[in-house]
């Protein structure tokens, strides 16, 4: 029997979640957003403070070029807009558009349903152990 590998299992779950998103999470215009775009929109919608690209780079542990490309796509799709900061016109605040807010709300409802499905038949104790293990894996990889 082949040895099970944690990285392979995590990747497999990631692929299954991406398929779920693609299959069940198209918006009214039949567009599919990436999971990171949804995460960014949720972060923007819940934040009480002004958010800039650097904040997103830190929050999601992404390189400047990666987050820049994601934001360009989101801006092109009219999900976000960049507004010149009050005290530094070179710095751009990232905000959700009305379209972005509407789509974010729609996706958050669907993600809640996916979370319920993921947790189905798993005890609270098992979920707590899972998060403890995931946290340790993250710590191991960031040492």
Protein backbone atom coordinates (compact mmCIF):
# COMPACT_ATOMS: atom_id res chain seq x y z
CA UNK A 1 0.00 0.00 0.00
CA UNK A 2 1.31 3.44 -0.95
CA UNK A 3 2.24 5.77 1.88
CA UNK A 4 -0.26 8.59 2.32
CA UNK A 5 1.24 12.05 1.95
CA UNK A 6 -0.19 15.10 3.73
CA UNK A 7 0.71 17.52 0.92
CA UNK A 8 -1.02 15.32 -1.66
CA UNK A 9 -4.15 15.08 0.48
CA UNK A 10 -4.27 18.86 1.00
CA UNK A 11 -3.88 19.39 -2.76
CA UNK A 12 -6.65 16.85 -3.45
CA UNK A 13 -9.05 18.66 -1.11
CA UNK A 14 -8.11 21.98 -2.71
CA UNK A 15 -8.97 20.57 -6.15
CA UNK A 16 -12.32 19.22 -4.89
CA UNK A 17 -13.16 22.62 -3.40
CA UNK A 18 -12.21 24.36 -6.66
CA UNK A 19 -14.51 21.98 -8.56
CA UNK A 20 -17.32 22.70 -6.12
CA UNK A 21 -16.82 26.42 -6.62
CA UNK A 22 -16.78 26.04 -10.40
CA UNK A 23 -19.87 23.84 -10.40
CA UNK A 24 -22.03 25.52 -7.80
CA UNK A 25 -20.73 29.02 -7.40
CA UNK A 26 -21.28 30.72 -10.71
CA UNK A 27 -22.88 34.10 -10.28
CA UNK A 28 -25.90 35.36 -12.20
CA UNK A 29 -23.73 36.29 -15.18
CA UNK A 30 -22.27 32.75 -15.25
CA UNK A 31 -18.87 34.07 -14.13
CA UNK A 32 -16.73 32.02 -11.78
CA UNK A 33 -14.45 33.82 -9.37
CA UNK A 34 -11.32 32.25 -7.95
CA UNK A 35 -11.26 31.36 -4.29
CA UNK A 36 -8.65 34.08 -3.61
CA UNK A 37 -10.87 36.71 -5.26
CA UNK A 38 -13.72 35.62 -2.99
CA UNK A 39 -11.42 35.74 0.04
CA UNK A 40 -10.26 39.25 -0.88
CA UNK A 41 -13.84 40.44 -1.37
CA UNK A 42 -14.86 38.98 1.99
CA UNK A 43 -11.87 40.62 3.69
CA UNK A 44 -12.71 43.98 2.10
CA UNK A 45 -16.39 43.71 3.04
CA UNK A 46 -15.64 42.92 6.70
CA UNK A 47 -12.78 45.37 7.25
CA UNK A 48 -13.47 48.46 9.30
CA UNK A 49 -10.20 50.07 8.18
CA UNK A 50 -8.90 51.29 4.83
CA UNK A 51 -7.24 48.46 2.90
CA UNK A 52 -4.26 48.83 0.57
CA UNK A 53 -2.43 46.34 -1.65
CA UNK A 54 0.28 45.83 0.98
CA UNK A 55 -2.40 44.81 3.49
CA UNK A 56 -3.65 42.15 1.08
CA UNK A 57 -0.12 40.91 0.38
CA UNK A 58 0.40 40.40 4.12
CA UNK A 59 -3.04 38.99 4.91
CA UNK A 60 -2.94 36.36 2.15
CA UNK A 61 0.85 35.75 2.12
CA UNK A 62 1.05 36.53 -1.60
CA UNK A 63 3.79 38.22 -3.58
CA UNK A 64 3.31 41.76 -4.80
CA UNK A 65 3.13 40.64 -8.46
CA UNK A 66 0.55 37.94 -7.67
CA UNK A 67 -1.78 40.22 -5.73
CA UNK A 68 -1.34 42.94 -8.36
CA UNK A 69 -2.53 40.58 -11.10
CA UNK A 70 -5.52 39.45 -9.04
CA UNK A 71 -6.50 43.06 -8.30
CA UNK A 72 -6.17 44.05 -11.98
CA UNK A 73 -8.57 41.25 -12.92
CA UNK A 74 -10.99 42.22 -10.17
CA UNK A 75 -10.84 45.87 -11.24
CA UNK A 76 -11.42 44.91 -14.89
CA UNK A 77 -14.47 42.89 -13.79
CA UNK A 78 -15.72 45.91 -11.81
CA UNK A 79 -15.58 44.10 -8.46
CA UNK A 80 -13.19 46.59 -6.85
CA UNK A 81 -11.89 50.06 -7.47
CA UNK A 82 -8.71 51.76 -6.40
CA UNK A 83 -9.08 55.17 -4.83
CA UNK A 84 -6.18 57.54 -4.21
CA UNK A 85 -5.37 57.72 -0.51
CA UNK A 86 -6.16 61.01 1.20
CA UNK A 87 -2.61 61.60 2.38
CA UNK A 88 -0.63 59.92 -0.46
CA UNK A 89 -1.92 59.96 -4.03
CA UNK A 90 0.57 57.22 -5.02
CA UNK A 91 -1.07 54.83 -2.58
CA UNK A 92 -4.43 53.39 -3.65
CA UNK A 93 -7.12 52.23 -1.28
CA UNK A 94 -8.90 49.05 -2.43
CA UNK A 95 -12.71 49.14 -2.09
CA UNK A 96 -15.55 46.93 -3.24
CA UNK A 97 -17.87 48.34 -5.88
CA UNK A 98 -21.63 47.90 -5.51
CA UNK A 99 -21.38 44.99 -7.97
CA UNK A 100 -18.58 43.54 -5.83
CA UNK A 101 -20.66 43.85 -2.65
CA UNK A 102 -23.62 42.11 -4.26
CA UNK A 103 -21.51 39.27 -5.65
CA UNK A 104 -19.59 38.95 -2.37
CA UNK A 105 -22.83 38.48 -0.43
CA UNK A 106 -24.01 35.86 -2.94
CA UNK A 107 -20.73 33.93 -2.71
CA UNK A 108 -20.57 34.13 1.09
CA UNK A 109 -23.97 32.42 1.28
CA UNK A 110 -22.74 29.65 -1.01
CA UNK A 111 -19.45 29.27 0.85
CA UNK A 112 -21.41 28.86 4.10
CA UNK A 113 -23.28 25.99 2.45
CA UNK A 114 -19.99 24.45 1.29
CA UNK A 115 -18.59 24.76 4.85
CA UNK A 116 -21.65 22.92 6.18
CA UNK A 117 -21.07 20.16 3.61
CA UNK A 118 -17.37 19.93 4.51
CA UNK A 119 -18.18 19.56 8.22
CA UNK A 120 -20.92 16.97 7.67
CA UNK A 121 -20.44 13.90 9.91
CA UNK A 122 -17.34 15.38 11.60
CA UNK A 123 -17.50 15.99 15.35
CA UNK A 124 -16.54 19.29 16.97
CA UNK A 125 -13.63 17.49 18.65
CA UNK A 126 -12.34 16.22 15.27
CA UNK A 127 -12.67 19.70 13.75
CA UNK A 128 -10.63 21.18 16.63
CA UNK A 129 -7.93 18.54 16.11
CA UNK A 130 -7.93 19.28 12.37
CA UNK A 131 -7.34 22.99 12.99
CA UNK A 132 -4.60 22.25 15.52
CA UNK A 133 -2.82 20.04 12.97
CA UNK A 134 -3.26 22.59 10.16
CA UNK A 135 -1.84 25.31 12.40
CA UNK A 136 1.20 23.14 13.15
CA UNK A 137 1.71 22.39 9.44
CA UNK A 138 1.58 26.13 8.72
CA UNK A 139 4.07 26.83 11.51
CA UNK A 140 6.40 24.10 10.20
CA UNK A 141 6.35 25.61 6.71
CA UNK A 142 6.97 29.18 7.88
CA UNK A 143 9.92 28.43 10.21
